[in-house]
Amino acid sequence: MNRHSMEEHHLPNNHDPNAFDRPSVTVDVVILTLREGQLEALLVKRKEHPYLNYWSLPGGFVQAQESLDEAAARVLRQKAGLESVVGMEREGSYRHPVYLEQLYTFGDPGRDPRMRVISVAYYALVEASHIREVGEEIALFKLRLPEGESGVEIFDHRHKKYSLAFDHAEILGVALRRIRGKLEYTPIGFELLPEQFTLRQLQAVHETILQKRLNKDSFRRRMLSSGRLEPTGKLERGLGRPAELYRFRRAT
């Protein structure tokens, strides 16, 4: 490093870090899965104020010596029992560990009644068999994204509607819109499928996320010509005409 660069990085003796406001930083992780043809989010029940006993996204404060990605991976591991890799640059199929991507930063000054808190949100797409539910502390909720609204509505398995803590309904809404937008040009939908799947299952994932019916023939032609599918040579077991099983093609 030259002298000029060293001078640029040198702090003056009268530097006072307490002269500046210090907002706290958290990470919140949107964990989405697909069960019985419906998109669901994994939520945790808050054990402290504010929003005591409200459902919320898994999250936590960023520690002084960890990066944002490390904090998000820690939250995913500690609160959902899931290992993760951030970003889509990894080689191989999108299998274990789960895919985790930074979503957006939420910084409204009044979003947390305790103090000034900025939240960096992430989202993870997880195949349903890897989701862990534990009693009344962590559970899956069905989602609905009303037209023209920024947030989502959440319901339990009895169709009871709940309000979320903080601005987490808005964060979920941003996540759903991001996934819808990326579905056509990235293979994130495969994250919600088992290792081997049928074209019918793949189409169901797309229709569930997009909330609309797709033409069966054109969808299958597009998927088969995309280069993303690899035939397994196996057939689906069960009643009716057996369907061919595919897997997501590994990166080369």
Protein backbone atom coordinates (compact mmCIF):
# COMPACT_ATOMS: atom_id res chain seq x y z
CA MET A 1 0.00 0.00 0.00
CA ASN A 2 1.43 3.40 -0.94
CA ARG A 3 1.65 6.37 1.40
CA HIS A 4 -1.39 8.08 -0.08
CA SER A 5 -3.54 4.97 0.46
CA MET A 6 -2.30 4.60 4.04
CA GLU A 7 -3.23 8.20 4.79
CA GLU A 8 -6.70 7.64 3.37
CA HIS A 9 -7.28 4.74 5.80
CA HIS A 10 -5.77 6.44 8.85
CA LEU A 11 -8.26 7.65 11.47
CA PRO A 12 -7.58 10.99 13.17
CA ASN A 13 -6.89 10.98 16.89
CA ASN A 14 -10.08 12.89 17.58
CA HIS A 15 -12.28 10.38 15.74
CA ASP A 16 -15.38 9.62 17.87
CA PRO A 17 -17.50 6.68 16.66
CA ASN A 18 -20.20 7.63 19.18
CA ALA A 19 -20.80 10.83 17.25
CA PHE A 20 -22.86 8.86 14.74
CA ASP A 21 -26.15 7.04 15.16
CA ARG A 22 -25.79 3.26 15.12
CA PRO A 23 -28.84 1.50 13.72
CA SER A 24 -29.07 -2.18 14.58
CA VAL A 25 -29.02 -4.67 11.70
CA THR A 26 -30.98 -7.91 11.54
CA VAL A 27 -31.52 -10.64 8.98
CA ASP A 28 -34.94 -12.19 8.34
CA VAL A 29 -35.24 -15.35 6.28
CA VAL A 30 -38.29 -16.25 4.18
CA ILE A 31 -38.42 -20.07 4.05
CA LEU A 32 -40.84 -21.30 1.39
CA THR A 33 -41.92 -24.82 0.54
CA LEU A 34 -44.68 -26.55 -1.41
CA ARG A 35 -47.14 -28.92 0.26
CA GLU A 36 -50.30 -30.44 -1.22
CA GLY A 37 -50.28 -28.00 -4.10
CA GLN A 38 -49.93 -24.90 -1.94
CA LEU A 39 -47.05 -22.56 -1.25
CA GLU A 40 -46.29 -22.30 2.47
CA ALA A 41 -43.92 -20.33 4.67
CA LEU A 42 -42.13 -21.52 7.80
CA LEU A 43 -42.79 -19.14 10.70
CA VAL A 44 -41.70 -19.00 14.33
CA LYS A 45 -43.66 -17.74 17.34
CA ARG A 46 -42.06 -14.83 19.16
CA LYS A 47 -41.22 -15.46 22.82
CA GLU A 48 -40.64 -11.84 23.81
CA HIS A 49 -41.88 -8.31 23.33
CA PRO A 50 -42.57 -6.61 21.05
CA TYR A 51 -45.18 -8.76 19.32
CA LEU A 52 -45.13 -11.42 22.03
CA ASN A 53 -46.77 -14.64 20.74
CA TYR A 54 -47.07 -13.27 17.20
CA TRP A 55 -45.82 -15.36 14.31
CA SER A 56 -42.79 -14.00 12.50
CA LEU A 57 -40.10 -14.87 10.00
CA PRO A 58 -37.02 -16.61 11.44
CA GLY A 59 -34.49 -13.88 12.09
CA GLY A 60 -31.92 -12.39 14.40
CA PHE A 61 -29.44 -9.59 14.94
CA VAL A 62 -26.23 -9.61 12.91
CA GLN A 63 -23.24 -10.26 15.15
CA ALA A 64 -20.25 -7.91 15.07
CA GLN A 65 -17.83 -10.35 13.44
CA GLU A 66 -20.09 -12.05 10.88
CA SER A 67 -21.13 -11.10 7.37
CA LEU A 68 -24.76 -10.75 6.33
CA ASP A 69 -24.61 -14.08 4.47
CA GLU A 70 -23.14 -15.77 7.53
CA ALA A 71 -25.87 -14.32 9.73
CA ALA A 72 -28.61 -15.54 7.38
CA ALA A 73 -27.06 -19.01 7.22
CA ARG A 74 -26.86 -19.09 11.02
CA VAL A 75 -30.53 -18.16 11.38
CA LEU A 76 -31.49 -20.82 8.86
CA ARG A 77 -29.45 -23.43 10.71
CA GLN A 78 -30.40 -22.51 14.28
CA LYS A 79 -34.09 -21.81 13.79
CA ALA A 80 -34.99 -24.20 10.98
CA GLY A 81 -32.29 -26.89 11.13
CA LEU A 82 -31.26 -26.25 7.51
CA GLU A 83 -27.79 -25.90 6.02
CA SER A 84 -27.45 -23.42 3.18
CA VAL A 85 -25.33 -22.09 0.35
CA VAL A 86 -25.83 -18.45 -0.61
CA GLY A 87 -26.26 -17.65 -4.29
CA MET A 88 -26.68 -19.71 -7.42
CA GLU A 89 -23.03 -19.83 -8.42
CA ARG A 90 -22.33 -23.22 -6.87
CA GLU A 91 -21.67 -26.13 -9.15
CA GLY A 92 -23.85 -29.21 -9.27
CA SER A 93 -27.56 -29.66 -8.85
CA TYR A 94 -29.61 -27.43 -6.55
CA ARG A 95 -29.85 -29.94 -3.78
CA HIS A 96 -28.32 -30.08 -0.34
CA PRO A 97 -27.58 -27.69 1.19
CA VAL A 98 -30.57 -25.48 0.45
CA TYR A 99 -30.41 -22.43 -1.78
CA LEU A 100 -30.40 -19.06 0.00
CA GLU A 101 -30.45 -15.65 -1.72
CA GLN A 102 -30.49 -12.07 -0.48
CA LEU A 103 -33.86 -10.50 -1.20
CA TYR A 104 -34.11 -6.84 -0.17
CA THR A 105 -33.29 -4.39 2.61
CA PHE A 106 -36.13 -3.04 4.74
CA GLY A 107 -35.32 0.16 6.61
CA ASP A 108 -38.47 2.09 7.48
CA PRO A 109 -37.58 4.06 10.65
CA GLY A 110 -40.70 2.84 12.44
CA ARG A 111 -40.59 -0.83 11.48
CA ASP A 112 -39.40 -1.88 14.96
CA PRO A 113 -40.81 -0.16 18.09
CA ARG A 114 -37.68 -0.93 20.14
CA MET A 115 -35.09 1.01 18.19
CA ARG A 116 -33.87 1.88 14.71
CA VAL A 117 -33.52 -1.55 13.07
CA ILE A 118 -32.60 -2.26 9.45
CA SER A 119 -33.43 -5.75 8.22
CA VAL A 120 -31.70 -7.48 5.33
CA ALA A 121 -34.11 -10.16 4.13
CA TYR A 122 -33.17 -13.45 2.47
CA TYR A 123 -35.29 -16.22 1.00
CA ALA A 124 -34.80 -19.98 0.83
CA LEU A 125 -36.72 -22.49 -1.28
CA VAL A 126 -36.86 -25.91 0.38
CA GLU A 127 -38.31 -29.24 -0.68
CA ALA A 128 -41.07 -30.17 1.77
CA SER A 129 -39.45 -33.33 3.19
CA HIS A 130 -36.60 -31.24 4.64
CA ILE A 131 -38.87 -28.87 6.57
CA ARG A 132 -39.03 -29.36 10.32
CA GLU A 133 -42.10 -28.40 12.34
CA VAL A 134 -41.87 -28.40 16.11
CA GLY A 135 -45.12 -28.11 18.05
CA GLU A 136 -46.37 -24.61 18.74
CA GLU A 137 -43.04 -22.82 18.29
CA ILE A 138 -42.44 -23.32 14.57
CA ALA A 139 -45.01 -24.14 11.89
CA LEU A 140 -45.93 -23.88 8.23
CA PHE A 141 -48.59 -21.43 7.09
CA LYS A 142 -50.43 -21.15 3.80
CA LEU A 143 -49.97 -17.93 1.83
CA ARG A 144 -52.21 -15.73 -0.26
CA LEU A 145 -51.02 -12.66 -2.16
CA PRO A 146 -54.02 -10.35 -2.70
CA GLU A 147 -54.08 -8.38 -5.92
CA GLY A 148 -52.95 -4.79 -5.53
CA GLU A 149 -51.57 -5.20 -2.00
CA SER A 150 -47.95 -5.19 -0.87
CA GLY A 151 -48.21 -7.87 1.82
CA VAL A 152 -49.51 -11.40 2.05
CA GLU A 153 -52.22 -13.06 4.09
CA ILE A 154 -51.34 -16.16 6.10
CA PHE A 155 -53.57 -19.01 7.26
CA ASP A 156 -53.03 -22.14 9.35
CA HIS A 157 -54.26 -25.61 8.36
CA ARG A 158 -57.69 -24.76 9.82
CA HIS A 159 -57.87 -21.69 7.54
CA LYS A 160 -57.55 -19.32 10.50
CA LYS A 161 -56.02 -16.01 9.46
CA TYR A 162 -53.10 -14.47 11.39
CA SER A 163 -51.31 -11.12 11.53
CA LEU A 164 -47.52 -11.18 11.43
CA ALA A 165 -45.02 -9.29 13.60
CA PHE A 166 -43.24 -6.18 12.35
CA ASP A 167 -43.37 -5.75 8.54
CA HIS A 168 -42.97 -9.46 7.86
CA ALA A 169 -46.15 -9.69 5.75
CA GLU A 170 -44.59 -7.09 3.42
CA ILE A 171 -41.30 -9.01 3.33
CA LEU A 172 -43.18 -12.17 2.34
CA GLY A 173 -44.97 -10.24 -0.40
CA VAL A 174 -41.68 -8.99 -1.83
CA ALA A 175 -40.30 -12.55 -1.73
CA LEU A 176 -43.26 -14.00 -3.62
CA ARG A 177 -43.06 -11.34 -6.30
CA ARG A 178 -39.32 -11.86 -6.67
CA ILE A 179 -39.76 -15.61 -7.12
CA ARG A 180 -42.51 -15.12 -9.68
CA GLY A 181 -40.30 -12.79 -11.64
CA LYS A 182 -37.29 -15.12 -11.60
CA LEU A 183 -39.15 -18.33 -12.34
CA GLU A 184 -39.05 -17.91 -16.10
CA TYR A 185 -35.32 -17.23 -16.47
CA THR A 186 -33.73 -19.11 -13.55
CA PRO A 187 -34.27 -22.71 -12.36
CA ILE A 188 -35.25 -21.81 -8.79
CA GLY A 189 -38.48 -23.81 -9.08
CA PHE A 190 -36.48 -27.03 -8.94
CA GLU A 191 -35.61 -26.25 -5.33
CA LEU A 192 -39.18 -27.12 -4.33
CA LEU A 193 -39.08 -30.57 -5.94
CA PRO A 194 -37.66 -33.90 -4.78
CA GLU A 195 -34.46 -35.16 -6.41
CA GLN A 196 -36.51 -37.05 -9.01
CA PHE A 197 -39.78 -35.61 -10.31
CA THR A 198 -42.31 -35.82 -13.13
CA LEU A 199 -43.17 -33.11 -15.64
CA ARG A 200 -46.58 -32.94 -13.98
CA GLN A 201 -44.95 -32.08 -10.65
CA LEU A 202 -42.73 -29.48 -12.29
CA GLN A 203 -45.72 -27.83 -13.95
CA ALA A 204 -47.60 -27.82 -10.63
CA VAL A 205 -44.72 -25.88 -9.02
CA HIS A 206 -44.84 -23.24 -11.75
CA GLU A 207 -48.63 -22.95 -11.62
CA THR A 208 -48.64 -22.64 -7.83
CA ILE A 209 -46.04 -19.87 -7.81
CA LEU A 210 -47.56 -17.99 -10.74
CA GLN A 211 -51.14 -18.59 -9.52
CA LYS A 212 -52.39 -19.44 -12.98
CA ARG A 213 -52.94 -22.44 -15.23
CA LEU A 214 -50.34 -23.21 -17.91
CA ASN A 215 -50.83 -25.01 -21.20
CA LYS A 216 -49.60 -28.57 -20.65
CA ASP A 217 -48.13 -29.21 -24.09
CA SER A 218 -46.32 -25.88 -24.49
CA PHE A 219 -44.95 -26.06 -20.95
CA ARG A 220 -43.54 -29.54 -21.49
CA ARG A 221 -41.98 -28.59 -24.82
CA ARG A 222 -40.33 -25.57 -23.23
CA MET A 223 -38.97 -27.54 -20.29
CA LEU A 224 -37.68 -30.44 -22.38
CA SER A 225 -35.91 -28.07 -24.78
CA SER A 226 -34.41 -25.96 -21.99
CA GLY A 227 -31.47 -28.31 -21.35
CA ARG A 228 -32.28 -28.30 -17.62
CA LEU A 229 -33.88 -31.76 -17.45
CA GLU A 230 -32.14 -35.12 -17.42
CA PRO A 231 -34.19 -38.33 -17.84
CA THR A 232 -33.54 -40.88 -15.09
CA GLY A 233 -34.76 -43.89 -17.07
CA LYS A 234 -37.22 -44.61 -14.25
CA LEU A 235 -40.99 -44.37 -13.99
CA GLU A 236 -43.14 -42.97 -11.23
CA ARG A 237 -44.71 -45.60 -9.03
CA GLY A 238 -48.40 -45.51 -8.23
CA LEU A 239 -51.82 -45.90 -9.74
CA GLY A 240 -52.60 -45.04 -13.34
CA ARG A 241 -50.25 -44.61 -16.26
CA PRO A 242 -46.68 -44.33 -14.95
CA ALA A 243 -44.91 -41.06 -15.79
CA GLU A 244 -41.23 -40.66 -16.59
CA LEU A 245 -39.01 -39.31 -13.83
CA TYR A 246 -36.49 -36.52 -14.42
CA ARG A 247 -33.80 -34.81 -12.39
CA PHE A 248 -32.37 -31.33 -12.63
CA ARG A 249 -29.32 -31.38 -14.88
CA ARG A 250 -26.09 -30.63 -13.06
CA ALA A 251 -24.02 -27.68 -14.16
CA THR A 252 -21.04 -28.45 -16.39
